[in-house]
N, C-alpha and C. Protein backbone atom coordinates (compact mmCIF):
# COMPACT_ATOMS: atom_id res chain seq x y z
N MET A 1 107.97 -56.15 22.43
CA MET A 1 107.76 -56.79 20.96
C MET A 1 108.25 -58.26 20.38
N PHE A 2 109.18 -58.80 20.77
CA PHE A 2 109.60 -60.48 20.50
C PHE A 2 108.93 -61.08 21.41
N ALA A 3 108.94 -60.85 22.43
CA ALA A 3 107.92 -62.12 23.15
C ALA A 3 106.45 -61.86 22.25
N LYS A 4 105.55 -61.08 22.01
CA LYS A 4 104.47 -60.37 21.05
C LYS A 4 104.88 -61.72 20.22
N ASP A 5 105.29 -61.32 19.08
CA ASP A 5 106.25 -62.15 18.09
C ASP A 5 106.40 -63.55 18.27
N THR A 6 106.86 -64.03 19.23
CA THR A 6 107.04 -65.07 19.92
C THR A 6 105.76 -66.05 19.89
N ASP A 7 104.65 -65.03 20.52
CA ASP A 7 103.00 -65.76 21.10
C ASP A 7 102.57 -65.82 19.73
N MET A 8 102.96 -65.10 18.55
CA MET A 8 101.50 -65.15 17.11
C MET A 8 102.38 -66.41 17.08
N VAL A 9 103.05 -66.73 16.85
CA VAL A 9 103.91 -67.93 15.94
C VAL A 9 104.34 -69.62 16.86
N TRP A 10 103.43 -69.08 18.21
CA TRP A 10 103.04 -70.36 19.12
C TRP A 10 101.87 -70.13 18.74
N GLU A 11 100.71 -69.62 18.37
CA GLU A 11 99.34 -69.73 18.55
C GLU A 11 99.62 -70.07 16.89
N HIS A 12 100.60 -69.55 16.19
CA HIS A 12 99.92 -70.05 14.40
C HIS A 12 99.79 -71.46 15.03
N LEU A 13 101.47 -72.08 14.86
CA LEU A 13 101.97 -73.34 14.91
C LEU A 13 100.93 -74.04 16.03
N SER A 14 100.76 -74.02 17.06
CA SER A 14 99.35 -74.57 17.65
C SER A 14 97.94 -74.17 17.45
N ASN A 15 97.67 -73.90 17.05
CA ASN A 15 96.24 -73.11 16.55
C ASN A 15 95.67 -73.34 15.23
N GLY A 16 96.94 -72.78 14.05
CA GLY A 16 96.41 -72.05 13.18
C GLY A 16 95.50 -70.83 13.04
N THR A 17 96.16 -70.20 13.82
CA THR A 17 95.76 -68.69 13.51
C THR A 17 96.98 -68.19 12.70
N PRO A 18 96.05 -66.89 12.33
CA PRO A 18 96.96 -66.49 11.26
C PRO A 18 98.00 -65.34 11.71
N LEU A 19 98.77 -65.23 10.69
CA LEU A 19 100.30 -64.37 11.31
C LEU A 19 100.00 -63.36 10.35
N TYR A 20 99.68 -62.60 11.87
CA TYR A 20 99.80 -61.00 11.42
C TYR A 20 98.20 -60.63 10.74
N VAL A 21 98.09 -60.05 9.49
CA VAL A 21 97.26 -60.61 8.21
C VAL A 21 97.09 -61.11 7.51
N ASP A 22 95.75 -60.88 6.61
CA ASP A 22 94.92 -61.84 6.11
C ASP A 22 95.65 -61.42 4.54
N ASN A 23 95.88 -61.93 3.61
CA ASN A 23 96.11 -61.88 1.81
C ASN A 23 95.47 -60.34 1.51
N ALA A 24 94.32 -60.58 1.64
CA ALA A 24 93.43 -58.79 1.05
C ALA A 24 93.82 -57.99 1.68
N SER A 25 94.52 -57.92 3.54
CA SER A 25 94.78 -56.85 3.71
C SER A 25 96.42 -56.39 3.71
N SER A 26 97.02 -57.60 3.23
CA SER A 26 98.39 -57.21 3.13
C SER A 26 98.71 -56.55 1.43
N LEU A 27 97.57 -57.47 0.29
CA LEU A 27 97.79 -56.66 -0.59
C LEU A 27 97.08 -54.99 -0.89
N TYR A 28 95.86 -54.85 0.10
CA TYR A 28 95.69 -53.75 0.20
C TYR A 28 96.65 -52.67 1.10
N ALA A 29 97.31 -53.38 1.64
CA ALA A 29 98.74 -52.50 2.50
C ALA A 29 99.69 -51.73 0.91
N LEU A 30 100.16 -52.97 0.37
CA LEU A 30 101.13 -52.64 -0.74
C LEU A 30 100.76 -51.79 -1.31
N LYS A 31 98.64 -52.43 -2.05
CA LYS A 31 98.31 -51.02 -2.88
C LYS A 31 98.80 -49.67 -2.49
N VAL A 32 98.32 -49.53 -1.27
CA VAL A 32 98.49 -47.65 -0.34
C VAL A 32 99.96 -46.99 -0.80
N ALA A 33 101.25 -48.20 0.20
CA ALA A 33 102.16 -47.91 -0.66
C ALA A 33 102.22 -47.86 -1.36
N ASP A 34 102.38 -48.23 -2.50
CA ASP A 34 102.89 -47.71 -4.02
C ASP A 34 101.94 -46.69 -4.10
N ALA A 35 100.87 -46.33 -3.74
CA ALA A 35 100.61 -45.31 -4.30
C ALA A 35 101.08 -44.19 -3.91
N ALA A 36 101.14 -44.09 -2.23
CA ALA A 36 102.01 -43.14 -1.37
C ALA A 36 103.32 -43.05 -2.49
N ARG A 37 104.00 -43.91 -2.60
CA ARG A 37 105.22 -43.96 -3.78
C ARG A 37 105.37 -42.68 -5.46
N ARG A 38 103.81 -43.95 -5.56
CA ARG A 38 103.63 -42.57 -6.90
C ARG A 38 103.64 -41.28 -6.74
N SER A 39 103.20 -41.57 -5.35
CA SER A 39 102.03 -39.49 -5.38
C SER A 39 103.33 -38.36 -5.13
N SER A 40 104.39 -39.38 -4.28
CA SER A 40 105.69 -38.85 -4.04
C SER A 40 106.43 -38.14 -4.90
N LYS A 41 106.79 -39.41 -5.87
CA LYS A 41 107.19 -39.14 -7.59
C LYS A 41 106.33 -38.10 -7.54
N ILE A 42 105.56 -38.11 -8.19
CA ILE A 42 104.97 -36.97 -9.60
C ILE A 42 104.24 -35.62 -8.58
N GLY A 43 104.27 -36.22 -7.05
CA GLY A 43 103.92 -34.31 -6.09
C GLY A 43 102.09 -34.76 -6.68
N GLN A 44 101.56 -35.25 -6.85
CA GLN A 44 100.12 -35.15 -6.68
C GLN A 44 99.57 -36.46 -5.94
N ASN A 45 98.24 -36.61 -6.06
CA ASN A 45 97.26 -37.17 -5.27
C ASN A 45 97.26 -38.32 -6.17
N VAL A 46 97.66 -39.76 -5.51
CA VAL A 46 96.91 -40.94 -5.87
C VAL A 46 96.43 -42.07 -5.56
N ALA A 47 95.27 -42.20 -6.30
CA ALA A 47 93.96 -42.73 -5.74
C ALA A 47 94.35 -44.45 -5.66
N VAL A 48 94.00 -45.00 -4.40
CA VAL A 48 94.11 -46.66 -4.12
C VAL A 48 92.98 -47.22 -4.90
N SER A 49 93.05 -47.73 -5.86
CA SER A 49 92.07 -48.90 -6.22
C SER A 49 91.50 -49.28 -4.86
N ASN A 50 89.87 -49.91 -5.37
CA ASN A 50 89.52 -50.68 -4.55
C ASN A 50 89.38 -52.30 -3.88
N PHE A 51 89.33 -52.14 -2.51
CA PHE A 51 90.40 -53.11 -1.31
C PHE A 51 89.86 -54.14 -1.95
N VAL A 52 89.01 -54.78 -3.01
CA VAL A 52 88.94 -56.03 -3.32
C VAL A 52 89.86 -56.04 -4.75
């Protein structure tokens, strides 16, 4: 895993490739995680808002 991260950082610094994920995907992942947290708290399904 360290080697993969090192390669990704090198590619980012050398070529400007994005690290890990873009902002929109990161935001969506946070929305999913928050919905899971709320669902666990109330014991019911919680809908995730639109991707964008």
